[in-house]
Amino acid sequence: MYRLDKTAFKIQSFTEADNTRAYWLNKTPEERWKAAWFLTCAAFGIDYNNPPRLDRNHFSMRKNG
């Protein structure tokens, strides 16, 4: 799906780095969400199309009151 272009990295000023914010703000929320999910999957070794289910043995809902 995505490939890391290692030649794209360079030392940049704060002004140049701030332009990446404008780049992402030009993307749709769905495109930003997909990119964030891809990076999360890459960082934690999760299958992009088949995320693990929540283990209900460790997490449960309680009614307060």
N, C-alpha and C. Protein backbone atom coordinates (compact mmCIF):
# COMPACT_ATOMS: atom_id res chain seq x y z
N MET A 1 0.83 -1.19 0.00
CA MET A 1 0.00 0.00 0.00
C MET A 1 0.88 1.26 0.00
N TYR A 2 1.58 1.50 1.09
CA TYR A 2 2.47 2.66 1.17
C TYR A 2 3.90 2.15 1.16
N ARG A 3 4.79 2.97 0.64
CA ARG A 3 6.22 2.64 0.66
C ARG A 3 6.98 3.85 1.18
N LEU A 4 7.97 3.58 2.01
CA LEU A 4 8.77 4.65 2.57
C LEU A 4 9.86 5.05 1.57
N ASP A 5 9.85 6.30 1.15
CA ASP A 5 10.87 6.81 0.25
C ASP A 5 11.98 7.41 1.11
N LYS A 6 13.06 6.66 1.28
CA LYS A 6 14.14 7.09 2.16
C LYS A 6 14.92 8.28 1.60
N THR A 7 14.76 8.56 0.33
CA THR A 7 15.46 9.72 -0.26
C THR A 7 14.70 11.01 0.01
N ALA A 8 13.50 10.92 0.57
CA ALA A 8 12.66 12.10 0.78
C ALA A 8 13.03 12.87 2.04
N PHE A 9 13.85 12.29 2.90
CA PHE A 9 14.19 12.95 4.16
C PHE A 9 15.33 13.93 3.97
N LYS A 10 15.24 15.06 4.65
CA LYS A 10 16.31 16.05 4.60
C LYS A 10 16.24 16.91 5.85
N ILE A 11 17.33 17.58 6.13
CA ILE A 11 17.35 18.53 7.24
C ILE A 11 16.59 19.75 6.78
N GLN A 12 15.67 20.23 7.62
CA GLN A 12 14.85 21.36 7.23
C GLN A 12 14.70 22.35 8.36
N SER A 13 14.33 23.56 8.01
CA SER A 13 14.11 24.60 9.01
C SER A 13 12.73 24.41 9.63
N PHE A 14 12.45 25.14 10.68
CA PHE A 14 11.14 25.06 11.31
C PHE A 14 10.04 25.51 10.36
N THR A 15 10.34 26.50 9.54
CA THR A 15 9.35 26.99 8.57
C THR A 15 9.01 25.91 7.55
N GLU A 16 10.04 25.23 7.03
CA GLU A 16 9.80 24.15 6.08
C GLU A 16 9.04 23.00 6.73
N ALA A 17 9.39 22.68 7.95
CA ALA A 17 8.70 21.60 8.65
C ALA A 17 7.24 21.97 8.91
N ASP A 18 6.96 23.24 9.12
CA ASP A 18 5.59 23.68 9.37
C ASP A 18 4.72 23.50 8.12
N ASN A 19 5.33 23.47 6.96
CA ASN A 19 4.57 23.26 5.73
C ASN A 19 3.94 21.88 5.65
N THR A 20 4.47 20.90 6.38
CA THR A 20 3.87 19.57 6.37
C THR A 20 2.49 19.61 7.03
N ARG A 21 2.31 20.51 7.97
CA ARG A 21 0.98 20.67 8.59
C ARG A 21 -0.02 21.11 7.54
N ALA A 22 0.37 22.05 6.71
CA ALA A 22 -0.52 22.51 5.64
C ALA A 22 -0.82 21.38 4.66
N TYR A 23 0.18 20.54 4.40
CA TYR A 23 -0.02 19.39 3.50
C TYR A 23 -1.11 18.47 4.05
N TRP A 24 -1.02 18.15 5.34
CA TRP A 24 -2.00 17.23 5.91
C TRP A 24 -3.37 17.87 6.07
N LEU A 25 -3.42 19.18 6.26
CA LEU A 25 -4.71 19.85 6.36
C LEU A 25 -5.42 19.92 5.01
N ASN A 26 -4.66 19.77 3.92
CA ASN A 26 -5.27 19.72 2.59
C ASN A 26 -5.85 18.35 2.27
N LYS A 27 -5.48 17.33 3.04
CA LYS A 27 -6.01 15.98 2.84
C LYS A 27 -7.37 15.88 3.52
N THR A 28 -8.18 14.95 3.04
CA THR A 28 -9.49 14.74 3.67
C THR A 28 -9.28 14.05 5.01
N PRO A 29 -10.24 14.18 5.93
CA PRO A 29 -10.11 13.47 7.21
C PRO A 29 -9.94 11.96 7.03
N GLU A 30 -10.58 11.40 6.02
CA GLU A 30 -10.44 9.96 5.79
C GLU A 30 -9.01 9.60 5.38
N GLU A 31 -8.38 10.42 4.53
CA GLU A 31 -7.00 10.16 4.12
C GLU A 31 -6.05 10.28 5.31
N ARG A 32 -6.30 11.27 6.17
CA ARG A 32 -5.46 11.43 7.37
C ARG A 32 -5.64 10.25 8.31
N TRP A 33 -6.88 9.79 8.46
CA TRP A 33 -7.17 8.65 9.33
C TRP A 33 -6.46 7.39 8.82
N LYS A 34 -6.53 7.16 7.51
CA LYS A 34 -5.88 5.97 6.92
C LYS A 34 -4.37 6.03 7.09
N ALA A 35 -3.78 7.20 6.92
CA ALA A 35 -2.33 7.34 7.09
C ALA A 35 -1.94 7.10 8.55
N ALA A 36 -2.73 7.62 9.48
CA ALA A 36 -2.46 7.42 10.90
C ALA A 36 -2.60 5.95 11.27
N TRP A 37 -3.61 5.30 10.75
CA TRP A 37 -3.82 3.87 11.04
C TRP A 37 -2.67 3.05 10.46
N PHE A 38 -2.20 3.39 9.26
CA PHE A 38 -1.08 2.69 8.65
C PHE A 38 0.16 2.81 9.53
N LEU A 39 0.46 4.01 10.02
CA LEU A 39 1.63 4.21 10.87
C LEU A 39 1.50 3.46 12.19
N THR A 40 0.30 3.42 12.76
CA THR A 40 0.06 2.67 13.99
C THR A 40 0.29 1.19 13.76
N CYS A 41 -0.22 0.67 12.66
CA CYS A 41 -0.04 -0.75 12.33
C CYS A 41 1.44 -1.08 12.13
N ALA A 42 2.15 -0.20 11.45
CA ALA A 42 3.57 -0.43 11.21
C ALA A 42 4.35 -0.41 12.52
N ALA A 43 4.01 0.47 13.44
CA ALA A 43 4.72 0.60 14.70
C ALA A 43 4.49 -0.59 15.63
N PHE A 44 3.27 -1.12 15.63
CA PHE A 44 2.93 -2.19 16.57
C PHE A 44 2.82 -3.56 15.92
N GLY A 45 3.12 -3.67 14.63
CA GLY A 45 3.09 -4.96 13.95
C GLY A 45 1.69 -5.53 13.80
N ILE A 46 0.71 -4.66 13.58
CA ILE A 46 -0.68 -5.09 13.41
C ILE A 46 -0.97 -5.25 11.93
N ASP A 47 -1.77 -6.26 11.60
CA ASP A 47 -2.20 -6.43 10.21
C ASP A 47 -3.15 -5.29 9.87
N TYR A 48 -2.83 -4.55 8.81
CA TYR A 48 -3.59 -3.35 8.44
C TYR A 48 -5.06 -3.66 8.18
N ASN A 49 -5.35 -4.75 7.50
CA ASN A 49 -6.73 -5.07 7.12
C ASN A 49 -7.45 -5.96 8.12
N ASN A 50 -6.74 -6.49 9.12
CA ASN A 50 -7.36 -7.41 10.07
C ASN A 50 -6.85 -7.12 11.48
N PRO A 51 -7.30 -6.02 12.10
CA PRO A 51 -6.80 -5.68 13.44
C PRO A 51 -7.31 -6.68 14.48
N PRO A 52 -6.56 -6.86 15.58
CA PRO A 52 -7.00 -7.79 16.62
C PRO A 52 -8.25 -7.28 17.34
N ARG A 53 -9.01 -8.21 17.84
CA ARG A 53 -10.21 -7.86 18.58
C ARG A 53 -9.85 -7.55 20.03
N LEU A 54 -10.68 -6.79 20.71
CA LEU A 54 -10.48 -6.44 22.10
C LEU A 54 -10.68 -7.68 22.97
N ASP A 55 -9.73 -7.97 23.85
CA ASP A 55 -9.83 -9.12 24.74
C ASP A 55 -10.76 -8.75 25.89
N ARG A 56 -11.95 -9.30 25.89
CA ARG A 56 -12.96 -8.96 26.89
C ARG A 56 -12.65 -9.53 28.27
N ASN A 57 -11.63 -10.40 28.39
CA ASN A 57 -11.26 -10.93 29.70
C ASN A 57 -10.58 -9.87 30.56
N HIS A 58 -9.96 -8.90 29.92
CA HIS A 58 -9.21 -7.87 30.65
C HIS A 58 -9.94 -6.53 30.72
N PHE A 59 -10.88 -6.32 29.84
CA PHE A 59 -11.61 -5.06 29.79
C PHE A 59 -13.10 -5.35 29.87
N SER A 60 -13.77 -4.62 30.73
CA SER A 60 -15.21 -4.78 30.84
C SER A 60 -15.84 -3.44 31.16
N MET A 61 -17.13 -3.35 30.96
CA MET A 61 -17.84 -2.12 31.26
C MET A 61 -18.58 -2.31 32.59
N ARG A 62 -18.53 -1.27 33.41
CA ARG A 62 -19.25 -1.29 34.66
C ARG A 62 -20.21 -0.13 34.70
N LYS A 63 -21.33 -0.33 35.32
CA LYS A 63 -22.28 0.75 35.49
C LYS A 63 -21.96 1.47 36.79
N ASN A 64 -21.72 2.78 36.69
CA ASN A 64 -21.43 3.57 37.88
C ASN A 64 -22.74 4.02 38.51
N GLY A 65 -22.82 3.92 39.81
CA GLY A 65 -24.01 4.44 40.43
C GLY A 65 -24.48 3.66 41.51
